[in-house]
Amino acid sequence: MEPRTAIFRMLVREAMAATPPSLPVDALLGEAVRLMADSKASGVVLTGPDGRPDGIITEHDITRRALFQAAADTPVSQVMTRPLRVIGETEYLYQAIAVMRRTGLRHMPVVDPAGRLTGMLNLDDTLAVASRTLMTQIDSLTQGGDVAGLTQVKRAQVTLADQLFRDNLPAPEIQALLSNINLDIYRRVVDGAIGAMAAEGLGPPPVDFSVIVMGSGGRGESFLFPDQDNGFILDDYPDSEHLRIDAWFIDLGERMTRDLDAIGLPLCKGFVMATNPLWRKTLSQWKAQISLWSRKRGTTMLRLCDIFFDFKSAWGRDDLADELRRHVAETARGNHMFLREMFEDDQDHGPAIGWFGRFITMKESDAAGYKGYLNLKHSGTLPLVEAMRLLCLREGLMINPTLERMQALEDRGILAKDEADYLRGAYRHISHLLLRQQIKDFQAERPVTNFVHPRSLTRREADMLKDSFEAIRRLRDHMRGEFTGDVLQ
C-alpha cells in the first residue's frame, strides 16, 4: 500500500497530461477553436517566438469571453488568458495543486528547465491524485504569503517530516522536501517584499537579480531549522548607478531577512545574508570575488568559499546563478594549491571516532549542557559533505546534492563502487539519526540542535554509526594523500 504521504514527494511530471496542442501567439481565434475540437482538448497553449508558453485559451475562455462576441479572424491574443502561470516539471505536485486551488486555475502548462512546453496539469486530475484527507495538509503547507501564514507553513514542516519519517521515507528525501518548502517560503517572502516596496512608491527592482540560498539549503539537504545563508546576484549595471540601485537592494535584503527570521529561518550568526555587502554583488563583482578568493588565500577566505560553493537560485534569474556556477567550476578545476588549502582548512571537521572504535563525545567546554553527546553535523555529515564538494570542484562537476555528487564521482571512477556504497550508507544513516533527534526535540519543546547522545541509539544503530565514521575517515585519509602528498604511516 502506498504511504499516505506519497503525494508530498510526487513531482509535477508524474501527474501531468501529455503535451497539449499549441499555436503561435499571433494565431487566429478560429484556428484555436478548430484545433481544440480536432484534438479533443480543453485548451490550447499559445507560444511566443522562442517557443515558450505565453498564454492559454480554454473552453471556459471560449464560452465566457469569445462566444458571440469575437469573429473567427480575431487574433487569439485578444481573448487568451495572460499573464500565463506555468510550473516546472520537477516541482512538487502538492505545490501545483495549492497554486491552482488558490488562484482558481483549471489548467496549468508544465515546462522543462529551458522553459519549453512539456505537458499540462488539469485541476480535476490532480485533485484525484490527492485524496481529501491530504488536502488539509496541503493547505497547511501553502498558506498565505504574509509572515503569519508562512510561520504556520514552517511549523507544518515538522509535522510533515514526522509523517514521512514514520512512512519510512529515507532522510535525504525528507531533507530535499524540507529544502523545497523553504525555497517556496523564500520565493513568497521576496514576492511580498517587492510588492510592499512598489506599494510604498519605491518602484520595481531596478535591475534583474537572483536570490541565492547557500549551505544545506543550496544542496537540498536542510534539516528542520537551518539558519539563513543567502545572497543576491545582480545583473551588471553602470558604476554611476550604484548608490541608487544598491539602496533599493539593501532595503529588500533587510525586509527579506527580517521576515524569514520571524517565520522560523533564523538570522545567520555569521552575517552570511544579503544585508551584508559581501554577499550582495553584481555578476561581474561575484566573478572577480571568486577569482580573488582562489588567489589570495587565508583562513577567512577559505571559510567563505566553504559557505558559498553550495548555492542555488531561490528567486529570479536562474541564469545568473548558472553562469556564476560555471565560473566557480572553471576557477577551481586544476587549481591544486587552492584545493589543497581548502582540504587542510576542513581538517577540524573529522568523524567522531577514536582508538578502538570509540566515539569521541563532546566536552562541557564544547557546548554547555551537551557533555557526552555527539555533534552529528560537525563530526558526521559535514566531513562527508566537504569531501564530496572538494572532489567535485577538482573534477569541475557542477552538482550540489551530496548523494548526487557521490554518484557522479563513482561514474567517473574517482570513487570505487564499494567505497561509494559505504559512503552513501554512512550519509543516509547519519542523516536519519540527526533528523529523528530533531523531530523528537521539537515535539518535546526542547532546543532543536545537531546533538545526539550515544545512549539514545540501539546497539545496531551505534555499530552502524561507527562503521559510517570509519568509512568517512578512510575517505579523508585517502584524500589527504591526494591533496597534500602526506601519507599516514
Protein backbone atom coordinates (compact mmCIF):
# COMPACT_ATOMS: atom_id res chain seq x y z
CA MET A 1 0.00 0.00 0.00
CA GLU A 2 1.34 3.42 -0.94
CA PRO A 3 2.09 5.58 2.15
CA ARG A 4 -0.49 8.29 2.82
CA THR A 5 2.19 10.95 2.41
CA ALA A 6 3.26 9.84 -1.08
CA ILE A 7 1.69 12.94 -2.63
CA PHE A 8 4.32 15.11 -0.94
CA ARG A 9 7.16 13.56 -2.89
CA MET A 10 5.42 13.30 -6.27
CA LEU A 11 6.70 15.61 -8.97
CA VAL A 12 4.55 17.51 -11.45
CA ARG A 13 5.79 15.39 -14.35
CA GLU A 14 4.36 12.26 -12.69
CA ALA A 15 0.80 13.61 -12.87
CA MET A 16 0.79 15.86 -15.94
CA ALA A 17 -1.11 15.06 -19.12
CA ALA A 18 0.65 14.83 -22.48
CA THR A 19 1.90 17.96 -24.20
CA PRO A 20 -1.21 19.99 -25.05
CA PRO A 21 -1.91 21.40 -28.53
CA SER A 22 -0.25 24.74 -29.15
CA LEU A 23 -0.27 27.59 -31.65
CA PRO A 24 1.85 30.69 -32.20
CA VAL A 25 0.65 33.65 -30.16
CA ASP A 26 -0.32 35.50 -33.37
CA ALA A 27 -2.78 32.75 -34.43
CA LEU A 28 -6.46 33.49 -35.05
CA LEU A 29 -9.33 32.50 -32.80
CA GLY A 30 -10.86 30.24 -35.45
CA GLU A 31 -7.63 28.23 -35.66
CA ALA A 32 -7.60 27.74 -31.90
CA VAL A 33 -11.24 26.57 -31.84
CA ARG A 34 -10.67 24.11 -34.70
CA LEU A 35 -7.51 22.73 -33.08
CA MET A 36 -9.32 22.32 -29.77
CA ALA A 37 -12.14 20.42 -31.48
CA ASP A 38 -9.86 18.24 -33.62
CA SER A 39 -7.62 17.26 -30.73
CA LYS A 40 -10.49 16.90 -28.24
CA ALA A 41 -8.52 19.13 -25.89
CA SER A 42 -9.97 21.53 -23.35
CA GLY A 43 -7.35 24.18 -24.05
CA VAL A 44 -4.66 25.42 -26.45
CA VAL A 45 -1.38 26.95 -25.30
CA LEU A 46 -0.10 29.98 -27.23
CA THR A 47 3.66 30.22 -27.61
CA GLY A 48 5.96 33.13 -28.32
CA PRO A 49 8.72 33.31 -30.98
CA ASP A 50 11.09 31.48 -28.62
CA GLY A 51 8.67 28.56 -28.30
CA ARG A 52 7.89 29.28 -24.65
CA PRO A 53 4.29 29.44 -23.38
CA ASP A 54 2.91 32.99 -23.45
CA GLY A 55 -0.83 32.48 -22.94
CA ILE A 56 -3.63 29.94 -22.94
CA ILE A 57 -7.18 29.77 -24.30
CA THR A 58 -9.56 27.21 -22.83
CA GLU A 59 -13.14 26.08 -23.36
CA HIS A 60 -14.01 28.34 -20.44
CA ASP A 61 -12.45 31.34 -22.22
CA ILE A 62 -14.38 30.50 -25.39
CA THR A 63 -17.76 30.34 -23.65
CA ARG A 64 -17.14 33.26 -21.32
CA ARG A 65 -15.29 35.75 -23.49
CA ALA A 66 -15.37 34.78 -27.16
CA LEU A 67 -18.71 33.13 -28.00
CA PHE A 68 -20.95 35.55 -29.96
CA GLN A 69 -18.51 38.36 -29.15
CA ALA A 70 -15.49 37.69 -31.35
CA ALA A 71 -15.17 36.73 -35.01
CA ALA A 72 -13.14 33.71 -36.12
CA ASP A 73 -10.45 36.01 -37.53
CA THR A 74 -9.93 37.74 -34.18
CA PRO A 75 -6.32 37.41 -33.00
CA VAL A 76 -6.40 34.84 -30.24
CA SER A 77 -4.11 37.12 -28.20
CA GLN A 78 -7.14 39.37 -27.62
CA VAL A 79 -9.11 36.70 -25.76
CA MET A 80 -6.48 34.38 -24.29
CA THR A 81 -5.58 34.30 -20.59
CA ARG A 82 -2.43 36.28 -19.87
CA PRO A 83 -0.12 36.52 -17.98
CA LEU A 84 0.25 32.77 -18.03
CA ARG A 85 1.10 30.83 -14.89
CA VAL A 86 3.35 27.85 -15.65
CA ILE A 87 5.10 25.33 -13.41
CA GLY A 88 8.31 23.34 -13.81
CA GLU A 89 8.02 19.60 -14.37
CA THR A 90 10.39 18.93 -11.45
CA GLU A 91 8.39 20.99 -8.94
CA TYR A 92 6.41 19.14 -6.28
CA LEU A 93 2.86 18.23 -7.25
CA TYR A 94 1.35 19.36 -3.95
CA GLN A 95 2.60 22.90 -4.62
CA ALA A 96 0.98 22.88 -8.05
CA ILE A 97 -2.31 21.75 -6.51
CA ALA A 98 -2.15 24.56 -3.97
CA VAL A 99 -1.39 27.20 -6.60
CA MET A 100 -4.26 26.06 -8.83
CA ARG A 101 -6.75 25.99 -5.96
CA ARG A 102 -5.58 29.35 -4.58
CA THR A 103 -5.71 31.14 -7.93
CA GLY A 104 -8.75 29.41 -9.40
CA LEU A 105 -6.80 27.92 -12.32
CA ARG A 106 -8.23 24.83 -14.02
CA HIS A 107 -5.24 24.29 -16.31
CA MET A 108 -1.55 24.99 -15.85
CA PRO A 109 1.08 24.36 -18.55
CA VAL A 110 4.18 22.42 -17.50
CA VAL A 111 7.63 23.40 -18.77
CA ASP A 112 11.09 21.85 -18.78
CA PRO A 113 14.17 23.62 -17.31
CA ALA A 114 14.59 25.54 -20.60
CA GLY A 115 11.02 26.85 -20.37
CA ARG A 116 9.66 24.71 -23.21
CA LEU A 117 6.16 23.24 -23.02
CA THR A 118 6.16 19.55 -22.00
CA GLY A 119 2.71 18.88 -20.56
CA MET A 120 -0.43 20.18 -18.90
CA LEU A 121 -1.88 19.88 -15.42
CA ASN A 122 -5.64 19.64 -15.10
CA LEU A 123 -7.03 20.58 -11.67
CA ASP A 124 -9.63 17.78 -11.61
CA ASP A 125 -6.98 15.18 -12.42
CA THR A 126 -4.53 16.46 -9.81
CA LEU A 127 -7.21 16.57 -7.12
CA ALA A 128 -7.99 12.95 -7.91
CA VAL A 129 -4.37 12.09 -7.13
CA ALA A 130 -4.58 13.79 -3.73
CA SER A 131 -7.27 12.30 -1.51
CA ARG A 132 -9.48 14.58 0.56
CA THR A 133 -7.67 13.54 3.73
CA LEU A 134 -4.48 15.12 2.40
CA MET A 135 -5.97 18.44 1.32
CA THR A 136 -5.74 19.85 4.86
CA GLN A 137 -2.04 19.03 4.94
CA ILE A 138 -1.50 20.57 1.51
CA ASP A 139 -3.29 23.72 2.63
CA SER A 140 -1.20 23.89 5.82
CA LEU A 141 1.99 23.87 3.73
CA THR A 142 0.80 26.51 1.27
CA GLN A 143 -0.93 29.14 3.38
CA GLY A 144 -0.99 32.88 2.71
CA GLY A 145 2.20 34.67 1.82
CA ASP A 146 2.25 37.00 4.83
CA VAL A 147 4.50 36.39 7.83
CA ALA A 148 1.72 34.84 9.92
CA GLY A 149 0.75 32.39 7.18
CA LEU A 150 4.32 31.39 6.37
CA THR A 151 5.08 30.90 10.07
CA GLN A 152 2.34 28.25 10.08
CA VAL A 153 3.88 26.70 6.95
CA LYS A 154 7.23 26.47 8.73
CA ARG A 155 5.66 24.71 11.72
CA ALA A 156 3.70 22.38 9.43
CA GLN A 157 7.03 21.21 8.00
CA VAL A 158 7.82 19.39 11.22
CA THR A 159 4.50 17.52 11.20
CA LEU A 160 5.08 16.51 7.60
CA ALA A 161 8.68 15.44 8.32
CA ASP A 162 7.44 13.25 11.17
CA GLN A 163 4.77 11.65 8.97
CA LEU A 164 7.26 10.96 6.18
CA PHE A 165 9.70 9.57 8.71
CA ARG A 166 7.03 7.19 10.05
CA ASP A 167 6.30 6.15 6.45
CA ASN A 168 9.97 5.07 6.25
CA LEU A 169 10.95 7.64 3.63
CA PRO A 170 14.77 7.95 3.63
CA ALA A 171 16.04 11.03 5.48
CA PRO A 172 17.75 12.57 2.40
CA GLU A 173 14.42 12.56 0.56
CA ILE A 174 12.73 14.27 3.51
CA GLN A 175 15.56 16.82 3.58
CA ALA A 176 15.03 17.54 -0.12
CA LEU A 177 11.33 18.19 0.51
CA LEU A 178 12.05 20.41 3.54
CA SER A 179 14.55 22.36 1.42
CA ASN A 180 11.99 22.80 -1.33
CA ILE A 181 9.40 24.11 1.13
CA ASN A 182 12.00 26.57 2.43
CA LEU A 183 12.73 27.73 -1.12
CA ASP A 184 9.00 28.28 -1.61
CA ILE A 185 8.99 30.37 1.58
CA TYR A 186 11.88 32.41 0.18
CA ARG A 187 10.01 32.99 -3.08
CA ARG A 188 6.86 34.13 -1.34
CA VAL A 189 8.72 36.38 1.11
CA VAL A 190 10.62 38.05 -1.73
CA ASP A 191 7.41 38.47 -3.76
CA GLY A 192 5.76 40.05 -0.73
CA ALA A 193 8.66 42.40 -0.03
CA ILE A 194 8.85 43.55 -3.67
CA GLY A 195 5.10 44.12 -3.71
CA ALA A 196 5.26 46.14 -0.49
CA MET A 197 8.11 48.27 -1.83
CA ALA A 198 6.17 49.01 -5.01
CA ALA A 199 3.09 49.94 -2.97
CA GLU A 200 5.23 52.35 -0.94
CA GLY A 201 6.38 54.10 -4.11
CA LEU A 202 9.88 52.62 -4.16
CA GLY A 203 9.34 51.08 -7.58
CA PRO A 204 10.13 47.65 -9.03
CA PRO A 205 13.61 46.07 -8.90
CA PRO A 206 15.98 48.46 -10.71
CA VAL A 207 17.84 45.52 -12.33
CA ASP A 208 17.22 41.81 -12.74
CA PHE A 209 18.66 39.64 -9.98
CA SER A 210 18.74 36.21 -8.36
CA VAL A 211 18.27 35.41 -4.69
CA ILE A 212 20.63 32.57 -3.84
CA VAL A 213 20.50 30.21 -0.89
CA MET A 214 23.77 28.68 0.27
CA GLY A 215 24.87 25.80 2.52
CA SER A 216 22.47 22.95 3.23
CA GLY A 217 19.59 24.77 1.53
CA GLY A 218 21.66 25.14 -1.63
CA ARG A 219 22.37 21.40 -1.62
CA GLY A 220 18.74 20.48 -0.88
CA GLU A 221 19.79 18.94 2.44
CA SER A 222 18.12 21.13 5.06
CA PHE A 223 17.12 19.78 8.44
CA LEU A 224 14.32 21.40 10.45
CA PHE A 225 15.53 24.90 11.26
CA PRO A 226 18.54 25.92 9.14
CA ASP A 227 19.99 29.39 9.57
CA GLN A 228 19.66 31.89 6.78
CA ASP A 229 22.59 31.70 4.34
CA ASN A 230 21.57 33.89 1.41
CA GLY A 231 22.78 36.49 -1.03
CA PHE A 232 21.92 38.46 -4.17
CA ILE A 233 23.45 38.16 -7.64
CA LEU A 234 22.56 41.35 -9.51
CA ASP A 235 22.67 41.83 -13.25
CA ASP A 236 25.52 44.18 -14.15
CA TYR A 237 24.80 47.91 -14.13
CA PRO A 238 26.88 51.12 -14.56
CA ASP A 239 29.00 52.15 -11.57
CA SER A 240 27.40 55.58 -11.70
CA GLU A 241 24.08 53.96 -10.67
CA HIS A 242 25.47 52.11 -7.67
CA LEU A 243 24.15 54.27 -4.83
CA ARG A 244 20.61 54.30 -6.18
CA ILE A 245 20.46 50.63 -7.11
CA ASP A 246 22.25 49.28 -4.05
CA ALA A 247 19.98 51.31 -1.74
CA TRP A 248 16.96 49.51 -3.22
CA PHE A 249 18.55 46.09 -2.66
CA ILE A 250 19.66 46.98 0.88
CA ASP A 251 16.01 47.70 1.64
CA LEU A 252 14.88 44.44 0.04
CA GLY A 253 17.56 42.47 1.91
CA GLU A 254 16.51 43.93 5.25
CA ARG A 255 12.85 43.13 4.64
CA MET A 256 13.60 39.63 3.39
CA THR A 257 15.90 38.61 6.25
CA ARG A 258 13.64 40.16 8.89
CA ASP A 259 10.57 38.28 7.63
CA LEU A 260 12.42 34.99 7.21
CA ASP A 261 13.65 35.26 10.80
CA ALA A 262 10.11 35.92 12.06
CA ILE A 263 8.83 32.90 10.10
CA GLY A 264 11.39 30.48 11.59
CA LEU A 265 14.51 30.69 9.42
CA PRO A 266 16.89 32.31 11.94
CA LEU A 267 19.29 35.11 11.07
CA CYS A 268 22.78 33.84 10.33
CA LYS A 269 25.10 34.48 13.26
CA GLY A 270 27.98 34.89 10.80
CA PHE A 271 26.04 37.52 8.78
CA VAL A 272 26.01 35.41 5.62
CA MET A 273 22.99 37.28 4.32
CA ALA A 274 22.10 39.71 1.55
CA THR A 275 22.15 42.57 4.06
CA ASN A 276 25.94 42.16 4.15
CA PRO A 277 27.57 43.76 1.06
CA LEU A 278 29.97 40.79 0.90
CA TRP A 279 27.00 38.65 -0.19
CA ARG A 280 25.29 41.27 -2.40
CA LYS A 281 27.12 41.83 -5.69
CA THR A 282 26.69 42.09 -9.43
CA LEU A 283 27.59 39.05 -11.51
CA SER A 284 30.89 40.64 -12.59
CA GLN A 285 31.74 41.52 -8.99
CA TRP A 286 30.99 37.96 -7.88
CA LYS A 287 33.27 36.56 -10.57
CA ALA A 288 36.07 38.90 -9.50
CA GLN A 289 35.49 37.91 -5.86
CA ILE A 290 35.76 34.19 -6.65
CA SER A 291 38.95 34.76 -8.62
CA LEU A 292 40.39 36.74 -5.71
CA TRP A 293 39.48 34.05 -3.19
CA SER A 294 41.26 31.45 -5.32
CA ARG A 295 44.47 33.51 -5.41
CA LYS A 296 44.67 35.38 -2.11
CA ARG A 297 44.08 32.62 0.37
CA GLY A 298 43.79 32.55 4.14
CA THR A 299 41.59 31.01 6.80
CA THR A 300 38.85 33.61 6.41
CA MET A 301 38.83 33.35 2.62
CA LEU A 302 38.66 29.56 2.73
CA ARG A 303 35.77 29.60 5.20
CA LEU A 304 33.88 31.97 2.91
CA CYS A 305 34.43 29.60 -0.01
CA ASP A 306 33.12 26.69 2.06
CA ILE A 307 29.93 28.61 2.75
CA PHE A 308 29.47 29.90 -0.77
CA PHE A 309 30.25 26.96 -3.05
CA ASP A 310 26.93 25.20 -2.37
CA PHE A 311 24.42 27.70 -3.72
CA LYS A 312 21.10 27.54 -5.53
CA SER A 313 18.87 30.19 -7.06
CA ALA A 314 15.70 30.57 -4.99
CA TRP A 315 14.09 33.51 -6.83
CA GLY A 316 14.61 35.48 -10.01
CA ARG A 317 17.12 34.98 -12.83
CA ASP A 318 18.35 31.40 -12.55
CA ASP A 319 20.77 32.02 -15.43
CA LEU A 320 22.78 34.46 -13.30
CA ALA A 321 23.38 31.70 -10.74
CA ASP A 322 24.13 29.18 -13.52
CA GLU A 323 26.76 31.45 -15.06
CA LEU A 324 28.39 32.07 -11.70
CA ARG A 325 28.48 28.34 -11.00
CA ARG A 326 30.30 27.77 -14.30
CA HIS A 327 32.84 30.40 -13.27
CA VAL A 328 33.36 28.65 -9.91
CA ALA A 329 33.94 25.32 -11.66
CA GLU A 330 36.40 26.83 -14.14
CA THR A 331 38.28 28.67 -11.38
CA ALA A 332 38.62 25.69 -9.03
CA ARG A 333 39.32 22.96 -11.53
CA GLY A 334 43.05 22.28 -11.70
CA ASN A 335 43.89 24.89 -9.02
CA HIS A 336 45.78 22.39 -6.87
CA MET A 337 47.14 24.84 -4.30
CA PHE A 338 43.69 26.31 -3.65
CA LEU A 339 42.10 22.86 -3.30
CA ARG A 340 44.89 21.69 -1.01
CA GLU A 341 44.39 24.63 1.33
CA MET A 342 40.63 24.06 1.35
CA PHE A 343 41.22 20.44 2.34
CA GLU A 344 43.61 21.44 5.12
CA ASP A 345 41.16 24.02 6.43
CA ASP A 346 38.44 21.36 6.64
CA GLN A 347 40.53 19.13 8.93
CA ASP A 348 38.77 20.44 12.04
CA HIS A 349 35.63 18.61 10.92
CA GLY A 350 36.61 14.99 11.35
CA PRO A 351 34.41 11.97 12.15
CA ALA A 352 33.92 11.45 15.90
CA ILE A 353 35.66 8.09 16.12
CA GLY A 354 38.83 7.39 18.09
CA TRP A 355 41.06 4.49 19.08
CA PHE A 356 39.46 1.03 19.29
CA GLY A 357 36.30 2.31 17.60
CA ARG A 358 35.22 4.51 20.49
CA PHE A 359 33.05 7.58 19.97
CA ILE A 360 34.68 10.95 20.61
CA THR A 361 31.95 12.77 22.51
CA MET A 362 31.68 16.43 23.38
CA LYS A 363 33.16 18.09 26.46
CA GLU A 364 31.31 20.63 28.57
CA SER A 365 33.56 23.33 27.09
CA ASP A 366 32.37 22.42 23.57
CA ALA A 367 28.72 23.18 24.30
CA ALA A 368 27.26 23.77 27.73
CA GLY A 369 24.77 21.08 28.69
CA TYR A 370 25.82 18.64 25.98
CA LYS A 371 28.73 16.82 27.59
CA GLY A 372 28.84 13.24 26.34
CA TYR A 373 26.82 13.97 23.19
CA LEU A 374 27.83 13.60 19.53
CA ASN A 375 27.52 16.58 17.17
CA LEU A 376 26.29 14.66 14.15
CA LYS A 377 26.61 17.66 11.87
CA HIS A 378 30.15 18.79 12.64
CA SER A 379 31.53 15.29 13.17
CA GLY A 380 29.21 13.39 10.87
CA THR A 381 27.59 14.87 7.79
CA LEU A 382 29.88 17.89 7.44
CA PRO A 383 33.17 15.99 6.89
CA LEU A 384 31.47 13.94 4.18
CA VAL A 385 29.77 16.94 2.56
CA GLU A 386 33.07 18.82 2.45
CA ALA A 387 34.92 15.87 0.95
CA MET A 388 32.37 15.37 -1.84
CA ARG A 389 32.33 19.10 -2.62
CA LEU A 390 36.11 19.25 -2.82
CA LEU A 391 36.37 16.24 -5.13
CA CYS A 392 33.68 17.69 -7.41
CA LEU A 393 35.44 21.08 -7.51
CA ARG A 394 38.62 19.31 -8.55
CA GLU A 395 36.76 17.49 -11.32
CA GLY A 396 34.84 20.60 -12.45
CA LEU A 397 31.46 18.98 -11.66
CA MET A 398 28.60 21.44 -11.14
CA ILE A 399 26.45 19.30 -8.84
CA ASN A 400 25.09 20.22 -5.41
CA PRO A 401 23.37 17.35 -3.54
CA THR A 402 25.88 15.15 -1.73
CA LEU A 403 24.43 11.83 -2.88
CA GLU A 404 24.36 13.02 -6.50
CA ARG A 405 27.99 14.10 -6.13
CA MET A 406 28.87 10.62 -4.91
CA GLN A 407 27.15 9.04 -7.89
CA ALA A 408 28.91 11.33 -10.36
CA LEU A 409 32.28 10.61 -8.76
CA GLU A 410 31.59 6.88 -8.86
CA ASP A 411 30.61 7.13 -12.53
CA ARG A 412 33.96 8.82 -13.25
CA GLY A 413 35.91 6.20 -11.35
CA ILE A 414 37.02 8.68 -8.68
CA LEU A 415 35.22 6.62 -6.05
CA ALA A 416 35.35 2.84 -6.18
CA LYS A 417 31.96 1.11 -6.27
CA ASP A 418 32.30 -0.40 -2.79
CA GLU A 419 33.64 2.86 -1.35
CA ALA A 420 30.74 4.85 -2.80
CA ASP A 421 28.29 2.29 -1.41
CA TYR A 422 29.74 2.58 2.11
CA LEU A 423 29.70 6.38 1.92
CA ARG A 424 26.10 6.52 0.70
CA GLY A 425 25.11 4.28 3.60
CA ALA A 426 27.05 6.49 6.01
CA TYR A 427 25.37 9.67 4.78
CA ARG A 428 21.88 8.17 4.93
CA HIS A 429 22.38 6.66 8.40
CA ILE A 430 23.81 9.81 9.99
CA SER A 431 21.11 11.97 8.39
CA HIS A 432 18.45 9.53 9.66
CA LEU A 433 19.70 9.75 13.25
CA LEU A 434 20.02 13.53 13.12
CA LEU A 435 16.58 14.17 11.63
CA ARG A 436 14.93 11.76 14.07
CA GLN A 437 16.51 13.56 17.02
CA GLN A 438 15.48 16.99 15.73
CA ILE A 439 11.85 15.86 15.35
CA LYS A 440 11.92 14.48 18.92
CA ASP A 441 13.45 17.70 20.24
CA PHE A 442 10.81 19.86 18.57
CA GLN A 443 7.94 17.72 19.78
CA ALA A 444 9.33 17.79 23.34
CA GLU A 445 9.71 21.60 23.08
CA ARG A 446 13.48 21.33 23.54
CA PRO A 447 16.01 23.35 21.53
CA VAL A 448 16.43 21.75 18.11
CA THR A 449 20.14 21.07 17.69
CA ASN A 450 22.59 18.71 15.99
CA PHE A 451 23.39 16.83 19.23
CA VAL A 452 22.59 13.13 19.70
CA HIS A 453 23.55 11.12 22.77
CA PRO A 454 25.07 7.68 22.09
CA ARG A 455 22.76 6.19 24.76
CA SER A 456 19.74 7.12 22.59
CA LEU A 457 20.95 4.68 19.92
CA THR A 458 20.27 0.98 19.72
CA ARG A 459 23.34 -1.26 19.64
CA ARG A 460 22.82 -1.82 15.92
CA GLU A 461 22.48 1.92 15.26
CA ALA A 462 25.65 2.61 17.24
CA ASP A 463 27.57 -0.10 15.36
CA MET A 464 26.34 1.31 12.04
CA LEU A 465 27.36 4.80 13.13
CA LYS A 466 30.85 3.63 13.99
CA ASP A 467 31.10 1.94 10.59
CA SER A 468 29.91 5.18 8.98
CA PHE A 469 32.54 7.23 10.79
CA GLU A 470 35.23 4.72 9.78
CA ALA A 471 34.19 4.96 6.10
CA ILE A 472 34.44 8.75 6.24
CA ARG A 473 37.83 8.57 7.97
CA ARG A 474 39.18 6.21 5.32
CA LEU A 475 37.99 8.58 2.60
CA ARG A 476 39.63 11.59 4.22
CA ASP A 477 42.88 9.70 4.82
CA HIS A 478 42.96 8.79 1.13
CA MET A 479 42.19 12.38 0.12
CA ARG A 480 44.98 13.66 2.37
CA GLY A 481 47.46 11.75 0.26
CA GLU A 482 45.94 13.07 -2.97
CA PHE A 483 45.59 16.71 -1.96
CA THR A 484 48.62 17.24 0.28
CA GLY A 485 51.03 14.41 -0.54
CA ASP A 486 51.08 13.35 3.13
CA VAL A 487 50.76 9.63 3.68
CA LEU A 488 49.75 8.28 7.07
CA GLN A 489 52.13 5.68 8.47
